Amino acid sequence: MLESKVIEAFPEIKEIKDEELRKKVVKTWVMAMERGGWNELKGIPYTLVIETKREFVEHTRMVTKTAMGAAKARGDLNMDYVIAAALLHDVGKLLEFTVKDGKVVKSDYGKMIRHPVSGAILAAEAGLPDEIVHAIVAHSKEGDAVKRTPLAVLIHHCDFIDFEIDKARM
């Protein structure tokens, strides 16, 4: 069952105190897996922009842990929203990526609609709050066109911290 695979891949989901929010986060992941044709979350790169051995789940968890640490230190953000937004920031990559000839590449859909947008669409469909949807759509360059909320600022920077550290190691 996909739900159990999502919860196993992302144990941070269990730290979301609001049960309804937790269920909607899992639902978003399941919808993405089904629509993208993914039965597993293992073996998926988190980026096609740089060569890295780090995978999608590892990156997502690192962004989540970094965001949780920063939010805890600040003490002024909704921790459930932080966890949900961080876990879902790249969920749209399951639609943006596909496997062709044994290699993960950009899908036809992904050539038209980037993961921040598709991820935000999925999250909205699952009934997640607008602030979380905004953080997903605004976590990458798409967010440069809008005023980011404090949650979106946090997710944006935590994502790029992880990416830029990997890039610096090249």
N, C-alpha and C. Protein backbone atom coordinates (compact mmCIF):
# COMPACT_ATOMS: atom_id res chain seq x y z
N MET A 1 0.83 -1.19 0.00
CA MET A 1 0.00 0.00 0.00
C MET A 1 0.88 1.25 0.00
N LEU A 2 0.54 2.21 -0.85
CA LEU A 2 1.36 3.41 -1.00
C LEU A 2 1.43 4.24 0.28
N GLU A 3 0.35 4.30 1.02
CA GLU A 3 0.34 5.09 2.26
C GLU A 3 1.43 4.64 3.22
N SER A 4 1.58 3.33 3.37
CA SER A 4 2.60 2.82 4.30
C SER A 4 4.00 3.11 3.77
N LYS A 5 4.18 3.09 2.46
CA LYS A 5 5.49 3.42 1.88
C LYS A 5 5.84 4.88 2.14
N VAL A 6 4.85 5.76 2.06
CA VAL A 6 5.07 7.19 2.31
C VAL A 6 5.45 7.40 3.78
N ILE A 7 4.71 6.81 4.68
CA ILE A 7 4.98 6.97 6.11
C ILE A 7 6.34 6.38 6.48
N GLU A 8 6.70 5.27 5.86
CA GLU A 8 8.01 4.66 6.11
C GLU A 8 9.14 5.54 5.58
N ALA A 9 8.95 6.13 4.40
CA ALA A 9 9.98 6.97 3.80
C ALA A 9 10.17 8.27 4.58
N PHE A 10 9.08 8.80 5.12
CA PHE A 10 9.11 10.10 5.79
C PHE A 10 8.58 10.00 7.21
N PRO A 11 9.37 9.49 8.14
CA PRO A 11 8.90 9.33 9.52
C PRO A 11 8.51 10.66 10.18
N GLU A 12 8.99 11.77 9.63
CA GLU A 12 8.64 13.09 10.18
C GLU A 12 7.14 13.36 10.10
N ILE A 13 6.45 12.66 9.22
CA ILE A 13 5.00 12.82 9.11
C ILE A 13 4.34 12.59 10.47
N LYS A 14 4.87 11.65 11.23
CA LYS A 14 4.29 11.32 12.53
C LYS A 14 4.42 12.47 13.53
N GLU A 15 5.29 13.43 13.24
CA GLU A 15 5.47 14.57 14.14
C GLU A 15 4.44 15.67 13.90
N ILE A 16 3.62 15.53 12.86
CA ILE A 16 2.53 16.48 12.65
C ILE A 16 1.44 16.13 13.65
N LYS A 17 1.16 17.06 14.55
CA LYS A 17 0.20 16.78 15.63
C LYS A 17 -1.24 16.76 15.15
N ASP A 18 -1.58 17.60 14.18
CA ASP A 18 -2.95 17.69 13.66
C ASP A 18 -3.21 16.48 12.76
N GLU A 19 -4.07 15.58 13.22
CA GLU A 19 -4.32 14.33 12.50
C GLU A 19 -4.85 14.55 11.09
N GLU A 20 -5.76 15.51 10.92
CA GLU A 20 -6.31 15.79 9.59
C GLU A 20 -5.23 16.29 8.65
N LEU A 21 -4.37 17.17 9.14
CA LEU A 21 -3.27 17.68 8.32
C LEU A 21 -2.33 16.54 7.93
N ARG A 22 -2.03 15.68 8.90
CA ARG A 22 -1.16 14.52 8.63
C ARG A 22 -1.74 13.65 7.52
N LYS A 23 -3.03 13.38 7.59
CA LYS A 23 -3.69 12.57 6.56
C LYS A 23 -3.64 13.23 5.19
N LYS A 24 -3.78 14.54 5.15
CA LYS A 24 -3.74 15.26 3.88
C LYS A 24 -2.34 15.27 3.27
N VAL A 25 -1.32 15.30 4.10
CA VAL A 25 0.06 15.21 3.62
C VAL A 25 0.28 13.84 2.97
N VAL A 26 -0.14 12.79 3.64
CA VAL A 26 0.00 11.44 3.09
C VAL A 26 -0.81 11.32 1.80
N LYS A 27 -2.02 11.84 1.81
CA LYS A 27 -2.89 11.80 0.62
C LYS A 27 -2.21 12.49 -0.57
N THR A 28 -1.57 13.61 -0.33
CA THR A 28 -0.87 14.33 -1.41
C THR A 28 0.22 13.47 -2.01
N TRP A 29 1.02 12.82 -1.16
CA TRP A 29 2.08 11.93 -1.64
C TRP A 29 1.51 10.76 -2.45
N VAL A 30 0.43 10.17 -1.95
CA VAL A 30 -0.18 9.03 -2.64
C VAL A 30 -0.70 9.46 -4.01
N MET A 31 -1.37 10.61 -4.07
CA MET A 31 -1.86 11.11 -5.36
C MET A 31 -0.70 11.31 -6.34
N ALA A 32 0.39 11.88 -5.85
CA ALA A 32 1.55 12.13 -6.71
C ALA A 32 2.15 10.82 -7.22
N MET A 33 2.26 9.85 -6.34
CA MET A 33 2.81 8.55 -6.75
C MET A 33 1.92 7.89 -7.79
N GLU A 34 0.62 7.91 -7.55
CA GLU A 34 -0.31 7.29 -8.49
C GLU A 34 -0.29 7.99 -9.85
N ARG A 35 -0.37 9.30 -9.83
CA ARG A 35 -0.41 10.05 -11.10
C ARG A 35 0.91 9.99 -11.85
N GLY A 36 2.01 9.93 -11.10
CA GLY A 36 3.32 9.87 -11.74
C GLY A 36 3.75 8.46 -12.11
N GLY A 37 2.99 7.46 -11.66
CA GLY A 37 3.32 6.08 -11.96
C GLY A 37 4.46 5.51 -11.13
N TRP A 38 4.64 6.02 -9.92
CA TRP A 38 5.71 5.56 -9.04
C TRP A 38 5.16 4.59 -8.01
N ASN A 39 5.77 3.41 -7.92
CA ASN A 39 5.40 2.43 -6.89
C ASN A 39 6.34 2.51 -5.70
N GLU A 40 7.47 3.13 -5.90
CA GLU A 40 8.52 3.26 -4.88
C GLU A 40 9.05 4.68 -4.88
N LEU A 41 9.58 5.10 -3.74
CA LEU A 41 10.24 6.41 -3.66
C LEU A 41 11.76 6.26 -3.66
N LYS A 42 12.23 5.03 -3.62
CA LYS A 42 13.67 4.77 -3.63
C LYS A 42 14.20 4.87 -5.06
N GLY A 43 15.44 5.32 -5.17
CA GLY A 43 16.10 5.35 -6.47
C GLY A 43 15.80 6.58 -7.31
N ILE A 44 15.04 7.52 -6.77
CA ILE A 44 14.71 8.74 -7.52
C ILE A 44 15.70 9.83 -7.13
N PRO A 45 16.39 10.45 -8.10
CA PRO A 45 17.27 11.57 -7.75
C PRO A 45 16.41 12.77 -7.33
N TYR A 46 16.97 13.64 -6.50
CA TYR A 46 16.17 14.80 -6.10
C TYR A 46 16.32 15.95 -7.08
N THR A 47 17.31 15.86 -7.95
CA THR A 47 17.52 16.91 -8.93
C THR A 47 18.11 16.31 -10.19
N LEU A 48 17.80 16.94 -11.31
CA LEU A 48 18.43 16.58 -12.58
C LEU A 48 19.40 17.67 -13.01
N VAL A 49 19.55 18.70 -12.18
CA VAL A 49 20.37 19.87 -12.50
C VAL A 49 21.85 19.61 -12.25
N ILE A 50 22.17 18.86 -11.19
CA ILE A 50 23.56 18.52 -10.87
C ILE A 50 23.66 17.01 -10.69
N GLU A 51 24.85 16.48 -10.87
CA GLU A 51 25.10 15.06 -10.61
C GLU A 51 25.21 14.87 -9.10
N THR A 52 24.40 14.00 -8.56
CA THR A 52 24.45 13.71 -7.13
C THR A 52 24.00 12.28 -6.91
N LYS A 53 24.56 11.66 -5.91
CA LYS A 53 24.15 10.31 -5.55
C LYS A 53 23.03 10.35 -4.51
N ARG A 54 22.79 11.54 -3.96
CA ARG A 54 21.73 11.68 -2.97
C ARG A 54 20.37 11.55 -3.65
N GLU A 55 19.46 10.92 -2.95
CA GLU A 55 18.15 10.64 -3.52
C GLU A 55 17.08 11.59 -2.99
N PHE A 56 15.96 11.52 -3.66
CA PHE A 56 14.78 12.34 -3.40
C PHE A 56 14.33 12.29 -1.93
N VAL A 57 14.20 11.11 -1.38
CA VAL A 57 13.75 10.97 0.01
C VAL A 57 14.76 11.60 0.94
N GLU A 58 16.04 11.35 0.72
CA GLU A 58 17.09 11.91 1.58
C GLU A 58 17.05 13.44 1.57
N HIS A 59 16.92 14.02 0.37
CA HIS A 59 16.85 15.48 0.25
C HIS A 59 15.61 16.02 0.97
N THR A 60 14.47 15.40 0.74
CA THR A 60 13.23 15.86 1.35
C THR A 60 13.32 15.82 2.87
N ARG A 61 13.88 14.76 3.39
CA ARG A 61 14.04 14.64 4.84
C ARG A 61 15.03 15.66 5.38
N MET A 62 16.10 15.94 4.62
CA MET A 62 17.08 16.93 5.07
C MET A 62 16.44 18.32 5.12
N VAL A 63 15.69 18.67 4.09
CA VAL A 63 15.00 19.97 4.08
C VAL A 63 14.04 20.04 5.26
N THR A 64 13.33 18.95 5.52
CA THR A 64 12.36 18.92 6.63
C THR A 64 13.06 19.09 7.97
N LYS A 65 14.14 18.35 8.18
CA LYS A 65 14.86 18.45 9.45
C LYS A 65 15.47 19.84 9.64
N THR A 66 16.00 20.41 8.57
CA THR A 66 16.58 21.75 8.64
C THR A 66 15.51 22.78 8.97
N ALA A 67 14.36 22.67 8.30
CA ALA A 67 13.26 23.60 8.54
C ALA A 67 12.72 23.46 9.97
N MET A 68 12.62 22.22 10.44
CA MET A 68 12.14 22.00 11.81
C MET A 68 13.10 22.62 12.83
N GLY A 69 14.40 22.45 12.60
CA GLY A 69 15.39 23.02 13.51
C GLY A 69 15.33 24.54 13.55
N ALA A 70 15.23 25.13 12.38
CA ALA A 70 15.14 26.60 12.31
C ALA A 70 13.85 27.10 12.95
N ALA A 71 12.75 26.42 12.67
CA ALA A 71 11.46 26.84 13.24
C ALA A 71 11.45 26.70 14.76
N LYS A 72 12.06 25.63 15.25
CA LYS A 72 12.14 25.43 16.70
C LYS A 72 12.96 26.55 17.33
N ALA A 73 14.09 26.91 16.70
CA ALA A 73 14.93 27.98 17.23
C ALA A 73 14.19 29.32 17.23
N ARG A 74 13.40 29.55 16.18
CA ARG A 74 12.65 30.80 16.09
C ARG A 74 11.48 30.84 17.07
N GLY A 75 10.73 29.75 17.11
CA GLY A 75 9.60 29.68 18.02
C GLY A 75 8.36 30.45 17.60
N ASP A 76 8.32 30.94 16.36
CA ASP A 76 7.17 31.77 15.97
C ASP A 76 6.47 31.28 14.70
N LEU A 77 6.71 30.02 14.33
CA LEU A 77 6.04 29.44 13.15
C LEU A 77 5.24 28.22 13.58
N ASN A 78 4.19 27.93 12.85
CA ASN A 78 3.36 26.76 13.11
C ASN A 78 4.15 25.51 12.70
N MET A 79 4.57 24.72 13.68
CA MET A 79 5.45 23.58 13.40
C MET A 79 4.77 22.54 12.52
N ASP A 80 3.48 22.31 12.69
CA ASP A 80 2.78 21.37 11.82
C ASP A 80 2.86 21.83 10.36
N TYR A 81 2.67 23.13 10.13
CA TYR A 81 2.75 23.68 8.77
C TYR A 81 4.17 23.58 8.23
N VAL A 82 5.16 23.82 9.08
CA VAL A 82 6.57 23.71 8.67
C VAL A 82 6.86 22.29 8.19
N ILE A 83 6.47 21.31 8.99
CA ILE A 83 6.73 19.91 8.63
C ILE A 83 6.01 19.55 7.34
N ALA A 84 4.73 19.90 7.25
CA ALA A 84 3.94 19.58 6.06
C ALA A 84 4.53 20.23 4.80
N ALA A 85 4.83 21.51 4.87
CA ALA A 85 5.36 22.22 3.70
C ALA A 85 6.72 21.68 3.28
N ALA A 86 7.57 21.39 4.26
CA ALA A 86 8.90 20.87 3.94
C ALA A 86 8.80 19.48 3.31
N LEU A 87 7.95 18.64 3.87
CA LEU A 87 7.79 17.30 3.31
C LEU A 87 7.22 17.34 1.90
N LEU A 88 6.41 18.33 1.61
CA LEU A 88 5.73 18.39 0.31
C LEU A 88 6.38 19.33 -0.70
N HIS A 89 7.45 20.01 -0.32
CA HIS A 89 7.98 21.03 -1.23
C HIS A 89 8.32 20.49 -2.61
N ASP A 90 8.79 19.26 -2.72
CA ASP A 90 9.17 18.68 -4.01
C ASP A 90 8.23 17.56 -4.48
N VAL A 91 7.07 17.41 -3.86
CA VAL A 91 6.16 16.32 -4.23
C VAL A 91 5.81 16.34 -5.71
N GLY A 92 5.78 17.51 -6.33
CA GLY A 92 5.48 17.63 -7.75
C GLY A 92 6.52 17.00 -8.65
N LYS A 93 7.69 16.70 -8.11
CA LYS A 93 8.72 16.04 -8.93
C LYS A 93 8.28 14.65 -9.36
N LEU A 94 7.34 14.06 -8.64
CA LEU A 94 6.83 12.75 -9.05
C LEU A 94 6.02 12.86 -10.34
N LEU A 95 5.60 14.06 -10.70
CA LEU A 95 4.95 14.31 -11.98
C LEU A 95 5.94 14.89 -12.99
N GLU A 96 6.92 15.62 -12.49
CA GLU A 96 7.92 16.26 -13.36
C GLU A 96 8.93 15.25 -13.91
N PHE A 97 9.17 14.19 -13.16
CA PHE A 97 10.13 13.16 -13.56
C PHE A 97 9.41 11.91 -14.04
N THR A 98 10.09 11.14 -14.86
CA THR A 98 9.62 9.83 -15.30
C THR A 98 10.84 8.96 -15.57
N VAL A 99 10.64 7.68 -15.74
CA VAL A 99 11.73 6.77 -16.07
C VAL A 99 11.63 6.43 -17.55
N LYS A 100 12.74 6.64 -18.26
CA LYS A 100 12.81 6.29 -19.69
C LYS A 100 14.12 5.57 -19.92
N ASP A 101 14.02 4.38 -20.49
CA ASP A 101 15.21 3.56 -20.75
C ASP A 101 16.04 3.36 -19.48
N GLY A 102 15.33 3.16 -18.36
CA GLY A 102 16.01 2.89 -17.09
C GLY A 102 16.61 4.09 -16.41
N LYS A 103 16.37 5.29 -16.94
CA LYS A 103 16.95 6.50 -16.38
C LYS A 103 15.85 7.50 -16.04
N VAL A 104 16.00 8.20 -14.91
CA VAL A 104 15.04 9.23 -14.54
C VAL A 104 15.33 10.48 -15.36
N VAL A 105 14.30 10.94 -16.07
CA VAL A 105 14.40 12.12 -16.94
C VAL A 105 13.16 13.00 -16.72
N LYS A 106 13.18 14.18 -17.32
CA LYS A 106 12.03 15.06 -17.25
C LYS A 106 10.90 14.48 -18.10
N SER A 107 9.71 14.44 -17.54
CA SER A 107 8.54 13.93 -18.25
C SER A 107 8.02 14.98 -19.22
N ASP A 108 7.16 14.57 -20.12
CA ASP A 108 6.52 15.55 -21.01
C ASP A 108 5.73 16.56 -20.19
N TYR A 109 5.03 16.08 -19.18
CA TYR A 109 4.28 16.96 -18.28
C TYR A 109 5.23 17.94 -17.60
N GLY A 110 6.36 17.42 -17.12
CA GLY A 110 7.35 18.24 -16.42
C GLY A 110 8.00 19.28 -17.31
N LYS A 111 8.02 19.06 -18.60
CA LYS A 111 8.55 20.06 -19.53
C LYS A 111 7.60 21.25 -19.64
N MET A 112 6.33 21.02 -19.32
CA MET A 112 5.33 22.09 -19.40
C MET A 112 5.05 22.72 -18.03
N ILE A 113 5.02 21.89 -16.98
CA ILE A 113 4.63 22.35 -15.66
C ILE A 113 5.67 21.90 -14.64
N ARG A 114 6.38 22.87 -14.06
CA ARG A 114 7.43 22.54 -13.09
C ARG A 114 6.84 22.06 -11.77
N HIS A 115 7.68 21.37 -11.01
CA HIS A 115 7.23 20.73 -9.77
C HIS A 115 6.65 21.67 -8.71
N PRO A 116 7.08 22.92 -8.58
CA PRO A 116 6.42 23.76 -7.58
C PRO A 116 4.93 23.97 -7.88
N VAL A 117 4.62 24.10 -9.16
CA VAL A 117 3.23 24.30 -9.57
C VAL A 117 2.43 23.01 -9.43
N SER A 118 2.95 21.91 -9.97
CA SER A 118 2.21 20.65 -9.87
C SER A 118 2.06 20.21 -8.41
N GLY A 119 3.08 20.44 -7.60
CA GLY A 119 2.99 20.10 -6.18
C GLY A 119 1.94 20.93 -5.47
N ALA A 120 1.86 22.21 -5.80
CA ALA A 120 0.85 23.08 -5.19
C ALA A 120 -0.56 22.65 -5.61
N ILE A 121 -0.69 22.25 -6.87
CA ILE A 121 -1.99 21.76 -7.35
C ILE A 121 -2.41 20.52 -6.57
N LEU A 122 -1.49 19.58 -6.42
CA LEU A 122 -1.79 18.36 -5.66
C LEU A 122 -2.18 18.67 -4.22
N ALA A 123 -1.42 19.57 -3.59
CA ALA A 123 -1.70 19.93 -2.19
C ALA A 123 -3.06 20.60 -2.05
N ALA A 124 -3.39 21.46 -2.99
CA ALA A 124 -4.70 22.12 -2.95
C ALA A 124 -5.82 21.10 -3.14
N GLU A 125 -5.63 20.17 -4.07
CA GLU A 125 -6.62 19.11 -4.29
C GLU A 125 -6.82 18.26 -3.04
N ALA A 126 -5.76 18.06 -2.29
CA ALA A 126 -5.85 17.25 -1.06
C ALA A 126 -6.47 18.04 0.09
N GLY A 127 -6.71 19.33 -0.12
CA GLY A 127 -7.36 20.15 0.90
C GLY A 127 -6.43 20.77 1.91
N LEU A 128 -5.14 20.88 1.57
CA LEU A 128 -4.20 21.50 2.49
C LEU A 128 -4.43 23.01 2.55
N PRO A 129 -4.08 23.64 3.69
CA PRO A 129 -4.28 25.08 3.84
C PRO A 129 -3.48 25.89 2.81
N ASP A 130 -4.03 27.05 2.46
CA ASP A 130 -3.41 27.91 1.45
C ASP A 130 -1.97 28.27 1.79
N GLU A 131 -1.66 28.44 3.06
CA GLU A 131 -0.29 28.82 3.44
C GLU A 131 0.71 27.72 3.06
N ILE A 132 0.31 26.48 3.20
CA ILE A 132 1.18 25.36 2.82
C ILE A 132 1.27 25.27 1.29
N VAL A 133 0.14 25.43 0.61
CA VAL A 133 0.14 25.44 -0.86
C VAL A 133 1.06 26.55 -1.37
N HIS A 134 0.98 27.73 -0.76
CA HIS A 134 1.84 28.85 -1.14
C HIS A 134 3.33 28.50 -0.94
N ALA A 135 3.65 27.89 0.17
CA ALA A 135 5.05 27.54 0.44
C ALA A 135 5.59 26.56 -0.60
N ILE A 136 4.74 25.65 -1.05
CA ILE A 136 5.16 24.69 -2.08
C ILE A 136 5.41 25.40 -3.40
N VAL A 137 4.47 26.22 -3.83
CA VAL A 137 4.61 26.89 -5.13
C VAL A 137 5.72 27.94 -5.10
N ALA A 138 5.99 28.51 -3.92
CA ALA A 138 6.96 29.60 -3.83
C ALA A 138 8.35 29.15 -3.39
N HIS A 139 8.59 27.84 -3.25
CA HIS A 139 9.88 27.40 -2.71
C HIS A 139 11.02 27.51 -3.71
N SER A 140 10.73 27.64 -4.98
CA SER A 140 11.77 27.75 -6.00
C SER A 140 11.64 29.08 -6.73
N LYS A 141 12.16 29.16 -7.94
CA LYS A 141 12.18 30.45 -8.64
C LYS A 141 10.79 31.02 -8.90
N GLU A 142 9.76 30.17 -8.93
CA GLU A 142 8.39 30.67 -9.10
C GLU A 142 8.03 31.65 -7.98
N GLY A 143 8.59 31.44 -6.82
CA GLY A 143 8.32 32.30 -5.68
C GLY A 143 8.93 33.68 -5.78
N ASP A 144 9.86 33.86 -6.72
CA ASP A 144 10.47 35.18 -6.89
C ASP A 144 9.46 36.20 -7.42
N ALA A 145 8.34 35.72 -7.97
CA ALA A 145 7.34 36.61 -8.56
C ALA A 145 6.25 37.02 -7.55
N VAL A 146 6.31 36.47 -6.33
CA VAL A 146 5.29 36.79 -5.32
C VAL A 146 5.97 37.17 -4.01
N LYS A 147 5.17 37.72 -3.09
CA LYS A 147 5.67 37.97 -1.75
C LYS A 147 5.55 36.68 -0.96
N ARG A 148 6.67 36.12 -0.56
CA ARG A 148 6.67 34.87 0.19
C ARG A 148 6.23 35.13 1.64
N THR A 149 5.42 34.20 2.15
CA THR A 149 5.07 34.24 3.58
C THR A 149 6.30 33.80 4.38
N PRO A 150 6.30 34.04 5.70
CA PRO A 150 7.43 33.55 6.51
C PRO A 150 7.66 32.04 6.33
N LEU A 151 6.59 31.24 6.25
CA LEU A 151 6.74 29.79 6.03
C LEU A 151 7.42 29.53 4.70
N ALA A 152 7.01 30.22 3.65
CA ALA A 152 7.60 30.03 2.32
C ALA A 152 9.06 30.44 2.29
N VAL A 153 9.41 31.50 3.01
CA VAL A 153 10.81 31.93 3.10
C VAL A 153 11.65 30.81 3.72
N LEU A 154 11.14 30.24 4.79
CA LEU A 154 11.86 29.16 5.48
C LEU A 154 12.08 27.97 4.55
N ILE A 155 11.03 27.50 3.89
CA ILE A 155 11.13 26.32 3.03
C ILE A 155 12.06 26.61 1.85
N HIS A 156 11.93 27.78 1.26
CA HIS A 156 12.79 28.20 0.13
C HIS A 156 14.27 28.09 0.53
N HIS A 157 14.61 28.68 1.65
CA HIS A 157 16.03 28.71 2.05
C HIS A 157 16.53 27.34 2.49
N CYS A 158 15.73 26.58 3.18
CA CYS A 158 16.17 25.24 3.59
C CYS A 158 16.41 24.34 2.38
N ASP A 159 15.55 24.47 1.37
CA ASP A 159 15.74 23.71 0.13
C ASP A 159 17.05 24.10 -0.54
N PHE A 160 17.30 25.39 -0.67
CA PHE A 160 18.50 25.83 -1.35
C PHE A 160 19.76 25.61 -0.53
N ILE A 161 19.67 25.62 0.78
CA ILE A 161 20.84 25.27 1.60
C ILE A 161 21.30 23.86 1.23
N ASP A 162 20.36 22.92 1.20
CA ASP A 162 20.73 21.54 0.89
C ASP A 162 21.28 21.42 -0.53
N PHE A 163 20.61 22.03 -1.49
CA PHE A 163 21.05 21.98 -2.89
C PHE A 163 22.43 22.63 -3.06
N GLU A 164 22.61 23.81 -2.50
CA GLU A 164 23.87 24.54 -2.68
C GLU A 164 25.05 23.83 -2.00
N ILE A 165 24.80 23.17 -0.88
CA ILE A 165 25.88 22.39 -0.25
C ILE A 165 26.29 21.24 -1.16
N ASP A 166 25.32 20.54 -1.73
CA ASP A 166 25.66 19.47 -2.68
C ASP A 166 26.41 20.02 -3.88
N LYS A 167 25.96 21.13 -4.40
CA LYS A 167 26.59 21.75 -5.57
C LYS A 167 28.04 22.17 -5.25
N ALA A 168 28.27 22.67 -4.04
CA ALA A 168 29.61 23.12 -3.63
C ALA A 168 30.58 21.95 -3.51
N ARG A 169 30.06 20.77 -3.31
CA ARG A 169 30.91 19.59 -3.17
C ARG A 169 31.32 19.00 -4.50
N MET A 170 30.81 19.52 -5.58
CA MET A 170 31.13 18.98 -6.91
C MET A 170 32.54 19.33 -7.32
